[in-house]
C-alpha atoms as a PDB file:
ATOM      1  CA  UNK A   1     318.851 -12.702 146.184  1.00  0.00           C
ATOM      2  CA  UNK A   2     318.064 -16.411 146.202  1.00  0.00           C
ATOM      3  CA  UNK A   3     318.495 -18.702 143.159  1.00  0.00           C
ATOM      4  CA  UNK A   4     316.520 -21.938 143.177  1.00  0.00           C
ATOM      5  CA  UNK A   5     316.214 -24.678 140.548  1.00  0.00           C
ATOM      6  CA  UNK A   6     313.338 -27.143 140.593  1.00  0.00           C
ATOM      7  CA  UNK A   7     311.446 -29.602 138.448  1.00  0.00           C
ATOM      8  CA  UNK A   8     307.748 -28.901 137.791  1.00  0.00           C
ATOM      9  CA  UNK A   9     305.653 -31.844 136.585  1.00  0.00           C
ATOM     10  CA  UNK A  10     302.402 -31.632 134.642  1.00  0.00           C
ATOM     11  CA  UNK A  11     300.715 -34.110 132.316  1.00  0.00           C
ATOM     12  CA  UNK A  12     303.592 -36.599 132.606  1.00  0.00           C
ATOM     13  CA  UNK A  13     306.192 -34.034 131.522  1.00  0.00           C
ATOM     14  CA  UNK A  14     308.838 -32.673 133.913  1.00  0.00           C
ATOM     15  CA  UNK A  15     310.091 -29.159 133.149  1.00  0.00           C
ATOM     16  CA  UNK A  16     313.284 -27.723 134.608  1.00  0.00           C
ATOM     17  CA  UNK A  17     312.831 -24.239 136.056  1.00  0.00           C
ATOM     18  CA  UNK A  18     315.041 -21.723 137.806  1.00  0.00           C
ATOM     19  CA  UNK A  19     313.921 -18.736 139.836  1.00  0.00           C
ATOM     20  CA  UNK A  20     315.929 -15.690 140.880  1.00  0.00           C
ATOM     21  CA  UNK A  21     314.004 -14.340 143.887  1.00  0.00           C
ATOM     22  CA  UNK A  22     314.513 -10.738 144.904  1.00  0.00           C
ATOM     23  CA  UNK A  23     311.680 -10.731 147.471  1.00  0.00           C
ATOM     24  CA  UNK A  24     308.339 -12.440 148.001  1.00  0.00           C
ATOM     25  CA  UNK A  25     306.521  -9.167 147.287  1.00  0.00           C
ATOM     26  CA  UNK A  26     308.370  -8.322 144.041  1.00  0.00           C
ATOM     27  CA  UNK A  27     306.677  -8.703 140.663  1.00  0.00           C
ATOM     28  CA  UNK A  28     307.796 -11.668 138.561  1.00  0.00           C
ATOM     29  CA  UNK A  29     309.215 -11.656 135.042  1.00  0.00           C
ATOM     30  CA  UNK A  30     308.951 -14.993 133.163  1.00  0.00           C
ATOM     31  CA  UNK A  31     311.539 -15.408 130.411  1.00  0.00           C
ATOM     32  CA  UNK A  32     310.420 -17.682 127.560  1.00  0.00           C
ATOM     33  CA  UNK A  33     313.092 -18.854 125.136  1.00  0.00           C
ATOM     34  CA  UNK A  34     312.338 -19.177 121.446  1.00  0.00           C
ATOM     35  CA  UNK A  35     311.835 -22.475 119.635  1.00  0.00           C
ATOM     36  CA  UNK A  36     314.663 -24.908 120.303  1.00  0.00           C
ATOM     37  CA  UNK A  37     316.472 -22.598 122.743  1.00  0.00           C
ATOM     38  CA  UNK A  38     317.184 -23.697 126.331  1.00  0.00           C
ATOM     39  CA  UNK A  39     316.582 -21.560 129.423  1.00  0.00           C
ATOM     40  CA  UNK A  40     320.284 -20.724 129.495  1.00  0.00           C
ATOM     41  CA  UNK A  41     319.674 -18.547 126.426  1.00  0.00           C
ATOM     42  CA  UNK A  42     318.818 -16.034 129.148  1.00  0.00           C
ATOM     43  CA  UNK A  43     322.244 -15.724 130.785  1.00  0.00           C
ATOM     44  CA  UNK A  44     322.802 -15.584 134.543  1.00  0.00           C
ATOM     45  CA  UNK A  45     324.075 -12.032 134.111  1.00  0.00           C
ATOM     46  CA  UNK A  46     320.911 -10.959 132.247  1.00  0.00           C
ATOM     47  CA  UNK A  47     318.664 -12.563 134.895  1.00  0.00           C
ATOM     48  CA  UNK A  48     320.725 -10.905 137.631  1.00  0.00           C
ATOM     49  CA  UNK A  49     320.282  -7.467 136.025  1.00  0.00           C
ATOM     50  CA  UNK A  50     316.515  -7.890 135.882  1.00  0.00           C
ATOM     51  CA  UNK A  51     316.483  -9.097 139.482  1.00  0.00           C
ATOM     52  CA  UNK A  52     318.647  -6.143 140.537  1.00  0.00           C
ATOM     53  CA  UNK A  53     315.808  -3.945 139.275  1.00  0.00           C
ATOM     54  CA  UNK A  54     313.471  -5.436 141.887  1.00  0.00           C
ATOM     55  CA  UNK A  55     311.911  -8.266 139.898  1.00  0.00           C
ATOM     56  CA  UNK A  56     311.810 -11.974 140.536  1.00  0.00           C
ATOM     57  CA  UNK A  57     312.871 -13.872 137.401  1.00  0.00           C
ATOM     58  CA  UNK A  58     311.823 -17.322 136.207  1.00  0.00           C
ATOM     59  CA  UNK A  59     313.411 -19.107 133.257  1.00  0.00           C
ATOM     60  CA  UNK A  60     312.663 -22.662 132.128  1.00  0.00           C
ATOM     61  CA  UNK A  61     313.494 -25.311 129.568  1.00  0.00           C
ATOM     62  CA  UNK A  62     310.642 -26.195 127.211  1.00  0.00           C
ATOM     63  CA  UNK A  63     309.709 -29.867 126.953  1.00  0.00           C
ATOM     64  CA  UNK A  64     312.225 -31.815 124.893  1.00  0.00           C
ATOM     65  CA  UNK A  65     314.907 -29.120 125.499  1.00  0.00           C
ATOM     66  CA  UNK A  66     317.783 -28.808 127.984  1.00  0.00           C
ATOM     67  CA  UNK A  67     317.137 -30.340 131.395  1.00  0.00           C
ATOM     68  CA  UNK A  68     313.400 -30.903 130.846  1.00  0.00           C
ATOM     69  CA  UNK A  69     311.985 -34.305 129.883  1.00  0.00           C
ATOM     70  CA  UNK A  70     312.450 -35.579 126.361  1.00  0.00           C
ATOM     71  CA  UNK A  71     309.196 -36.407 124.592  1.00  0.00           C
ATOM     72  CA  UNK A  72     308.252 -39.958 123.620  1.00  0.00           C
ATOM     73  CA  UNK A  73     306.253 -39.216 120.479  1.00  0.00           C
ATOM     74  CA  UNK A  74     304.546 -42.615 120.520  1.00  0.00           C
ATOM     75  CA  UNK A  75     303.194 -42.169 124.055  1.00  0.00           C
ATOM     76  CA  UNK A  76     302.818 -38.373 124.381  1.00  0.00           C
ATOM     77  CA  UNK A  77     302.901 -36.501 121.065  1.00  0.00           C
ATOM     78  CA  UNK A  78     302.614 -32.718 121.193  1.00  0.00           C
END
């Protein structure tokens, strides 16, 4: 399994993402944390267990949370 972190940018906001890749042909499970929770809410162990069951896993920090960009409300309000 390969674990890769990257920054994805859209509309002037950079989001931190991390993917646990089992294989290129495996289906992907996207884990979305609740309001105010960072991607690390989904623990490495939990992501590993899903990946061990033949899924790729993606987790990410919402804007203004964790390693993603903070929001400048004056320039880019929600």
